N, C-alpha and C. Protein backbone atom coordinates (compact mmCIF):
# COMPACT_ATOMS: atom_id res chain seq x y z
N MET A 1 100.30 108.57 102.13
CA MET A 1 100.91 107.57 100.82
C MET A 1 100.36 107.90 100.08
N LEU A 2 101.61 107.43 98.93
CA LEU A 2 101.12 107.60 97.44
C LEU A 2 101.13 106.23 96.88
N PHE A 3 100.42 105.59 96.14
CA PHE A 3 100.47 104.49 95.80
C PHE A 3 100.52 104.72 94.10
N VAL A 4 101.50 104.21 93.30
CA VAL A 4 101.89 104.18 91.86
C VAL A 4 101.87 103.02 91.33
N CYS A 5 101.44 102.90 90.27
CA CYS A 5 101.10 101.95 88.72
C CYS A 5 101.61 102.74 87.62
N LEU A 6 101.41 101.89 86.73
CA LEU A 6 101.52 102.28 85.44
C LEU A 6 100.76 103.72 84.68
N GLY A 7 99.32 103.09 84.72
CA GLY A 7 98.58 104.39 84.11
C GLY A 7 97.27 105.06 85.25
N ASN A 8 97.57 104.92 86.28
CA ASN A 8 96.76 105.15 87.70
C ASN A 8 95.15 105.31 87.20
N ILE A 9 95.05 103.82 86.38
CA ILE A 9 93.76 103.64 86.49
C ILE A 9 93.10 102.44 86.91
N CYS A 10 94.19 101.43 87.09
CA CYS A 10 93.80 100.11 87.54
C CYS A 10 94.11 99.81 89.26
N ARG A 11 95.61 99.53 89.43
CA ARG A 11 95.78 99.20 90.89
C ARG A 11 96.16 100.44 92.01
N SER A 12 96.89 101.32 91.41
CA SER A 12 97.08 102.33 92.31
C SER A 12 95.56 103.07 92.99
N PRO A 13 94.67 103.59 92.02
CA PRO A 13 93.68 103.86 92.70
C PRO A 13 92.64 102.99 93.43
N MET A 14 92.82 101.61 92.88
CA MET A 14 92.07 100.63 93.82
C MET A 14 92.86 100.71 95.39
N ALA A 15 94.02 100.80 95.29
CA ALA A 15 95.11 100.72 96.52
C ALA A 15 94.35 102.08 97.67
N GLU A 16 94.23 103.17 96.81
CA GLU A 16 94.50 104.56 96.90
C GLU A 16 92.82 104.39 97.75
N ALA A 17 91.67 103.92 97.06
CA ALA A 17 90.42 103.81 97.72
C ALA A 17 90.50 102.68 98.70
N VAL A 18 90.73 101.58 98.74
CA VAL A 18 91.14 101.03 99.57
C VAL A 18 91.39 101.28 101.08
N LEU A 19 92.85 101.68 100.99
CA LEU A 19 93.19 102.51 102.21
C LEU A 19 92.43 103.46 102.61
N ARG A 20 92.15 104.29 101.63
CA ARG A 20 91.25 105.44 102.69
C ARG A 20 89.85 104.87 102.76
N SER A 21 89.21 104.07 102.39
CA SER A 21 87.93 103.11 102.93
C SER A 21 88.80 102.76 104.55
N LYS A 22 89.41 102.19 105.07
CA LYS A 22 90.03 101.59 105.85
C LYS A 22 90.34 102.50 107.09
N ILE A 23 91.07 103.77 106.60
CA ILE A 23 91.00 104.98 107.16
C ILE A 23 90.06 105.59 107.70
N GLU A 24 89.00 105.93 106.87
CA GLU A 24 87.69 106.01 107.41
C GLU A 24 86.83 105.11 108.66
N GLN A 25 87.04 104.02 108.25
CA GLN A 25 86.51 102.99 109.23
C GLN A 25 87.17 103.42 110.81
N ARG A 26 88.73 103.51 110.53
CA ARG A 26 89.30 103.76 111.94
C ARG A 26 89.59 105.67 112.45
N GLN A 27 88.69 105.91 111.60
CA GLN A 27 88.50 107.40 111.91
C GLN A 27 89.86 108.46 112.37
N LEU A 28 90.96 107.99 111.17
CA LEU A 28 91.98 108.70 110.98
C LEU A 28 92.14 109.53 109.94
N THR A 29 91.17 110.08 109.74
CA THR A 29 91.36 110.71 108.17
C THR A 29 92.34 111.82 108.06
N ASP A 30 91.88 112.59 109.25
CA ASP A 30 92.97 113.83 109.83
C ASP A 30 94.40 113.25 110.10
N GLN A 31 95.02 112.35 109.89
CA GLN A 31 96.09 112.07 110.23
C GLN A 31 96.94 111.44 109.16
N ILE A 32 96.23 111.11 108.12
CA ILE A 32 96.85 110.06 107.17
C ILE A 32 96.17 110.76 105.71
N THR A 33 97.04 110.97 104.75
CA THR A 33 96.65 111.24 103.57
C THR A 33 97.53 110.15 102.73
N VAL A 34 96.21 109.82 101.86
CA VAL A 34 96.75 108.82 100.82
C VAL A 34 96.05 109.27 99.37
N ASP A 35 96.76 109.09 98.30
CA ASP A 35 96.44 109.19 96.93
C ASP A 35 97.53 108.28 96.04
N SER A 36 97.14 108.58 94.90
CA SER A 36 97.65 107.71 93.65
C SER A 36 98.01 108.38 92.44
N ALA A 37 98.79 107.87 91.87
CA ALA A 37 99.59 108.39 90.48
C ALA A 37 100.15 107.26 89.50
N GLY A 38 100.46 107.73 88.49
CA GLY A 38 100.93 106.70 87.48
C GLY A 38 102.27 107.36 86.95
N THR A 39 103.04 106.65 86.16
CA THR A 39 104.42 106.74 85.69
C THR A 39 103.89 106.86 84.03
N GLY A 40 102.76 106.46 83.39
CA GLY A 40 102.85 107.05 82.01
C GLY A 40 101.32 107.65 81.84
N ASP A 41 101.47 108.56 80.83
CA ASP A 41 100.73 109.77 81.09
C ASP A 41 99.63 109.48 79.97
N TRP A 42 99.04 108.40 79.52
CA TRP A 42 97.85 107.44 78.75
C TRP A 42 96.27 108.34 79.23
N HIS A 43 96.46 108.21 80.22
CA HIS A 43 94.95 108.12 81.10
C HIS A 43 94.73 109.11 82.20
N ILE A 44 95.56 110.70 81.87
CA ILE A 44 95.77 111.55 82.76
C ILE A 44 94.16 112.32 82.61
N GLY A 45 93.65 112.35 83.88
CA GLY A 45 91.91 113.15 83.89
C GLY A 45 91.16 112.01 84.01
N LYS A 46 91.32 110.81 83.67
CA LYS A 46 90.16 109.96 83.39
C LYS A 46 89.87 109.31 84.86
N ALA A 47 88.71 108.65 84.86
CA ALA A 47 88.47 107.81 86.29
C ALA A 47 89.02 106.38 85.95
N PRO A 48 89.03 105.90 87.21
CA PRO A 48 89.25 104.62 87.13
C PRO A 48 88.87 103.57 86.32
N HIS A 49 89.70 102.58 85.60
CA HIS A 49 89.29 101.60 84.94
C HIS A 49 87.77 101.00 85.52
N GLU A 50 87.09 100.28 84.52
CA GLU A 50 85.80 99.50 84.84
C GLU A 50 85.80 98.62 85.68
N GLY A 51 86.71 98.13 85.65
CA GLY A 51 87.10 96.71 86.17
C GLY A 51 87.39 96.95 87.53
N THR A 52 88.26 97.98 88.19
CA THR A 52 88.28 98.81 89.39
C THR A 52 87.50 99.07 89.80
N ARG A 53 86.67 99.93 88.97
CA ARG A 53 85.04 100.58 89.67
C ARG A 53 83.98 99.24 90.34
N ARG A 54 84.09 98.35 89.17
CA ARG A 54 83.09 97.25 89.70
C ARG A 54 83.74 96.62 90.86
N ILE A 55 84.94 96.11 90.93
CA ILE A 55 85.32 95.62 92.32
C ILE A 55 85.04 96.43 93.49
N LEU A 56 85.37 97.78 93.53
CA LEU A 56 85.22 98.54 94.58
C LEU A 56 83.56 98.85 94.90
N ASP A 57 83.22 98.85 93.95
CA ASP A 57 81.56 98.53 94.54
C ASP A 57 80.86 97.32 94.79
N LEU A 58 81.41 96.66 94.56
CA LEU A 58 80.93 95.43 94.86
C LEU A 58 81.27 95.42 96.40
N HIS A 59 82.40 96.13 96.98
CA HIS A 59 83.11 95.97 98.12
C HIS A 59 82.76 97.17 99.15
N GLY A 60 81.42 98.12 98.22
CA GLY A 60 81.14 99.39 99.05
C GLY A 60 82.13 100.39 99.21
N ILE A 61 82.92 100.36 98.53
CA ILE A 61 84.19 101.44 98.32
C ILE A 61 83.84 102.52 97.79
N SER A 62 83.91 103.81 98.03
CA SER A 62 83.92 105.03 96.99
C SER A 62 85.15 104.97 96.37
N TYR A 63 85.04 105.80 95.28
CA TYR A 63 86.61 105.96 94.25
C TYR A 63 85.65 107.55 93.53
N GLU A 64 84.56 108.24 94.30
CA GLU A 64 84.28 109.15 93.62
C GLU A 64 85.51 110.41 93.57
N HIS A 65 85.54 111.36 92.63
CA HIS A 65 86.17 112.15 92.44
C HIS A 65 87.61 111.75 92.21
N MET A 66 88.22 110.53 91.84
CA MET A 66 89.53 110.14 91.39
C MET A 66 89.69 110.37 90.11
N ARG A 67 90.84 110.81 89.68
CA ARG A 67 91.05 110.86 88.73
C ARG A 67 92.69 110.71 88.26
N ALA A 68 92.97 109.87 87.35
CA ALA A 68 94.27 109.38 87.06
C ALA A 68 95.66 110.99 86.61
N ARG A 69 96.55 110.65 87.52
CA ARG A 69 97.65 112.08 87.00
C ARG A 69 99.15 111.10 87.13
N LEU A 70 99.79 112.04 87.03
CA LEU A 70 101.29 111.48 86.94
C LEU A 70 101.85 111.70 88.40
N VAL A 71 103.09 110.56 88.92
CA VAL A 71 103.74 111.08 89.86
C VAL A 71 104.54 112.09 89.52
N ALA A 72 104.89 113.08 90.57
CA ALA A 72 105.57 114.35 89.97
C ALA A 72 106.70 114.33 91.19
N SER A 73 107.90 115.07 90.85
CA SER A 73 108.97 115.51 91.90
C SER A 73 108.40 115.58 93.18
N GLU A 74 107.15 116.70 93.60
CA GLU A 74 106.85 117.13 94.22
C GLU A 74 106.22 116.44 95.16
N ASP A 75 105.54 115.13 95.02
CA ASP A 75 105.20 113.64 95.35
C ASP A 75 106.32 113.39 97.20
N PHE A 76 107.49 113.58 96.33
CA PHE A 76 108.36 113.10 97.20
C PHE A 76 108.43 114.07 98.86
N GLU A 77 107.77 115.37 98.38
CA GLU A 77 108.02 116.19 99.57
C GLU A 77 106.58 115.94 100.61
N ARG A 78 105.32 115.74 99.65
CA ARG A 78 104.02 115.46 99.92
C ARG A 78 103.66 114.10 100.90
N PHE A 79 104.33 113.29 100.06
CA PHE A 79 103.98 111.89 101.02
C PHE A 79 105.17 111.06 101.61
N GLU A 80 105.16 110.59 102.63
CA GLU A 80 105.87 109.75 103.73
C GLU A 80 106.65 108.71 102.78
N TYR A 81 105.48 108.14 102.44
CA TYR A 81 105.65 106.86 101.38
C TYR A 81 105.40 106.69 100.38
N ILE A 82 106.01 106.21 98.96
CA ILE A 82 105.47 106.16 97.72
C ILE A 82 105.81 104.79 97.62
N ILE A 83 104.72 103.75 97.08
CA ILE A 83 104.61 102.35 97.23
C ILE A 83 104.15 102.21 95.57
N CYS A 84 105.13 101.75 95.07
CA CYS A 84 104.93 101.15 93.66
C CYS A 84 104.51 99.67 93.87
N MET A 85 103.67 99.43 92.59
CA MET A 85 102.99 98.30 92.57
C MET A 85 104.06 97.20 91.55
N ASP A 86 104.86 97.57 90.92
CA ASP A 86 105.68 96.30 90.30
C ASP A 86 107.27 97.00 90.30
N LYS A 87 108.08 96.56 89.76
CA LYS A 87 109.61 96.90 89.57
C LYS A 87 109.57 97.93 88.56
N SER A 88 108.96 97.89 87.29
CA SER A 88 109.11 99.00 86.47
C SER A 88 108.62 100.13 87.05
N ASN A 89 107.60 99.97 87.45
CA ASN A 89 107.22 101.44 88.06
C ASN A 89 108.08 102.03 89.43
N GLY A 90 108.58 101.11 89.89
CA GLY A 90 109.34 101.70 90.80
C GLY A 90 110.88 102.08 90.27
N GLU A 91 111.35 101.55 88.96
CA GLU A 91 112.34 101.99 88.22
C GLU A 91 111.77 103.43 87.71
N ASN A 92 110.88 103.71 87.22
CA ASN A 92 110.34 104.72 86.37
C ASN A 92 110.60 106.17 87.61
N VAL A 93 110.40 105.87 88.93
CA VAL A 93 109.63 106.37 89.72
C VAL A 93 111.34 107.21 90.50
N ARG A 94 112.19 105.90 90.58
CA ARG A 94 113.24 106.31 90.76
C ARG A 94 114.13 107.18 89.88
N LYS A 95 113.63 107.63 88.64
CA LYS A 95 114.40 108.43 87.73
C LYS A 95 114.01 109.84 87.80
N ILE A 96 112.97 110.16 88.85
CA ILE A 96 112.34 111.76 88.75
C ILE A 96 113.38 112.48 89.58
N PRO A 97 113.62 113.58 89.10
CA PRO A 97 114.88 114.41 89.87
C PRO A 97 114.32 114.53 91.35
N GLY A 98 115.36 114.52 92.04
CA GLY A 98 115.18 115.19 93.39
C GLY A 98 113.91 114.01 94.28
N GLY A 99 113.77 113.08 94.15
CA GLY A 99 113.38 112.18 94.78
C GLY A 99 114.08 111.43 95.67
N GLU A 100 113.73 111.05 97.06
CA GLU A 100 114.16 110.58 98.46
C GLU A 100 114.10 109.10 97.77
N GLN A 101 114.96 108.36 97.28
CA GLN A 101 114.77 107.24 97.27
C GLN A 101 114.43 106.48 98.66
N SER A 102 114.70 106.80 99.93
CA SER A 102 114.65 105.93 100.95
C SER A 102 112.73 105.98 101.24
N LYS A 103 111.76 106.88 100.44
CA LYS A 103 110.59 106.98 100.70
C LYS A 103 110.30 106.17 99.82
N LEU A 104 110.40 105.33 98.75
CA LEU A 104 110.02 104.38 97.95
C LEU A 104 109.87 102.82 98.52
N LEU A 105 108.88 102.27 98.27
CA LEU A 105 108.35 101.28 98.65
C LEU A 105 108.19 100.33 97.42
N PHE A 106 107.70 98.58 97.77
CA PHE A 106 107.25 98.08 96.90
C PHE A 106 106.15 97.51 97.70
N PHE A 107 104.80 97.15 96.66
CA PHE A 107 103.61 96.92 97.50
C PHE A 107 103.56 95.54 97.99
N MET A 108 103.91 94.43 97.27
CA MET A 108 104.32 93.10 98.03
C MET A 108 105.27 92.97 98.80
N ASP A 109 105.99 93.84 99.11
CA ASP A 109 106.86 93.46 100.42
C ASP A 109 106.14 93.62 101.72
N LEU A 110 104.95 94.31 101.58
CA LEU A 110 103.70 93.96 102.67
C LEU A 110 103.31 92.97 102.81
N LEU A 111 103.45 91.87 102.15
CA LEU A 111 102.78 90.52 101.96
C LEU A 111 104.07 89.43 101.78
N PRO A 112 104.95 89.47 102.73
CA PRO A 112 106.19 88.50 102.35
C PRO A 112 106.15 87.06 101.93
N ASP A 113 104.95 86.79 102.79
CA ASP A 113 104.47 85.15 102.57
C ASP A 113 103.75 85.21 101.33
N GLU A 114 103.31 86.25 100.25
CA GLU A 114 103.19 85.90 98.99
C GLU A 114 104.07 85.49 98.13
N GLU A 115 103.66 84.46 96.70
CA GLU A 115 104.61 83.93 95.94
C GLU A 115 104.73 84.85 95.07
N LEU A 116 103.67 85.98 94.62
CA LEU A 116 103.91 87.36 93.87
C LEU A 116 104.80 88.14 94.44
N ARG A 117 105.88 88.43 93.64
CA ARG A 117 106.44 89.80 94.22
C ARG A 117 106.18 91.15 93.64
N GLU A 118 105.03 90.95 92.57
CA GLU A 118 104.59 92.44 92.29
C GLU A 118 103.14 92.05 91.97
N VAL A 119 102.43 93.27 92.06
CA VAL A 119 101.01 93.31 91.73
C VAL A 119 100.48 93.43 90.56
N PRO A 120 99.95 92.23 90.03
CA PRO A 120 99.75 92.42 88.73
C PRO A 120 98.57 93.02 88.08
N ASP A 121 99.05 93.42 86.80
CA ASP A 121 98.12 94.63 85.90
C ASP A 121 97.00 93.93 85.58
N PRO A 122 95.77 94.23 86.45
CA PRO A 122 94.61 93.68 85.90
C PRO A 122 94.10 94.37 84.29
N TYR A 123 94.68 95.55 84.25
CA TYR A 123 94.45 95.89 82.45
C TYR A 123 94.80 94.81 81.45
N PHE A 124 95.90 94.05 81.73
CA PHE A 124 96.45 92.84 80.80
C PHE A 124 95.97 91.65 81.03
N THR A 125 95.67 91.27 82.45
CA THR A 125 95.19 90.10 83.13
C THR A 125 93.66 90.11 83.29
N GLY A 126 92.91 91.33 83.30
CA GLY A 126 91.58 91.17 83.66
C GLY A 126 91.33 90.53 85.04
N ASN A 127 92.10 90.53 85.77
CA ASN A 127 91.88 89.37 87.38
C ASN A 127 91.69 90.59 88.23
N PHE A 128 90.72 91.34 88.13
CA PHE A 128 90.57 92.20 88.84
C PHE A 128 90.54 92.38 90.66
N GLU A 129 90.17 90.71 90.59
CA GLU A 129 89.62 89.92 92.15
C GLU A 129 90.73 89.79 92.62
N GLN A 130 91.83 89.22 91.74
CA GLN A 130 92.90 88.95 92.50
C GLN A 130 93.61 89.94 93.04
N VAL A 131 93.57 91.01 92.32
CA VAL A 131 94.47 92.41 92.53
C VAL A 131 93.88 92.82 94.17
N TYR A 132 92.44 93.04 93.67
CA TYR A 132 91.94 93.30 95.26
C TYR A 132 92.21 92.62 96.29
N ASP A 133 92.45 91.32 96.15
CA ASP A 133 92.40 90.30 97.35
C ASP A 133 93.95 90.75 97.48
N LEU A 134 94.89 90.70 97.20
CA LEU A 134 96.20 91.55 97.66
C LEU A 134 95.92 92.79 97.96
N ILE A 135 95.76 93.55 97.40
CA ILE A 135 95.35 95.17 98.14
C ILE A 135 94.90 95.10 99.23
N ASN A 136 93.81 94.55 99.27
CA ASN A 136 92.90 94.45 100.68
C ASN A 136 93.77 93.77 101.66
N ALA A 137 94.66 92.85 101.45
CA ALA A 137 95.21 92.32 102.24
C ALA A 137 96.60 93.42 103.10
N GLY A 138 97.35 93.90 101.79
CA GLY A 138 98.42 94.59 101.96
C GLY A 138 98.04 95.95 102.48
N CYS A 139 96.99 96.54 102.47
CA CYS A 139 96.63 98.15 102.86
C CYS A 139 96.22 97.52 104.35
N ASP A 140 96.09 96.44 104.54
CA ASP A 140 95.26 96.11 106.50
C ASP A 140 96.84 95.82 107.13
N VAL A 141 98.14 95.39 106.54
CA VAL A 141 99.01 95.27 106.81
C VAL A 141 100.02 96.78 106.88
N LEU A 142 99.89 97.56 106.00
CA LEU A 142 99.95 98.92 105.71
C LEU A 142 99.51 99.67 106.80
N LEU A 143 98.33 99.87 107.23
CA LEU A 143 97.40 100.51 107.99
C LEU A 143 98.11 100.31 109.12
N GLU A 144 98.16 99.01 110.12
CA GLU A 144 98.68 98.55 111.33
C GLU A 144 100.19 99.36 111.40
N ARG A 145 101.03 99.01 110.36
CA ARG A 145 102.30 99.85 110.14
C ARG A 145 102.49 100.80 110.52
N ILE A 146 101.42 101.95 110.11
CA ILE A 146 101.29 103.42 110.17
C ILE A 146 100.94 103.96 111.40
N ILE A 147 100.04 103.24 111.84
CA ILE A 147 99.05 103.34 113.22
C ILE A 147 100.48 103.16 114.11
N GLN A 148 101.28 101.75 114.08
CA GLN A 148 102.54 101.83 115.30
C GLN A 148 103.53 103.08 114.73
N GLU A 149 103.51 103.34 113.78
CA GLU A 149 104.84 104.58 113.74
C GLU A 149 104.26 105.94 114.16
N LYS A 150 103.09 106.26 114.50
CA LYS A 150 102.54 107.22 114.82
C LYS A 150 102.33 107.63 116.05
């Protein structure tokens, strides 16, 4: 699984850390690979945003060694699914040459009963708690889907 957002410091690293924690709890680390990337290059090499770190700390979820990076064409080879946090990032990922479009999913499609159709960007809204709640619920659905497919 590769999670993608704009700068790879808020939503996608939060999803990476949350899903990795759930994978570790289920002892599936040798079967499922998870990572995150961004479509913008402003934060390459930086740790997750302070708000992301704070909410992950609150829930006892590690983000150690995580650094922002750009999504690349090689990611389409490395990952079974590329999950975008919003339509804009999905459009940017679609522009990557050689990308297999069938691997592209939108995170909120995991939560069809939610009114929101995109994961709000807490870099702009400041609402990291709301984003954590959405990501936590979506990662539960995603992990069950992965397990059923294996």
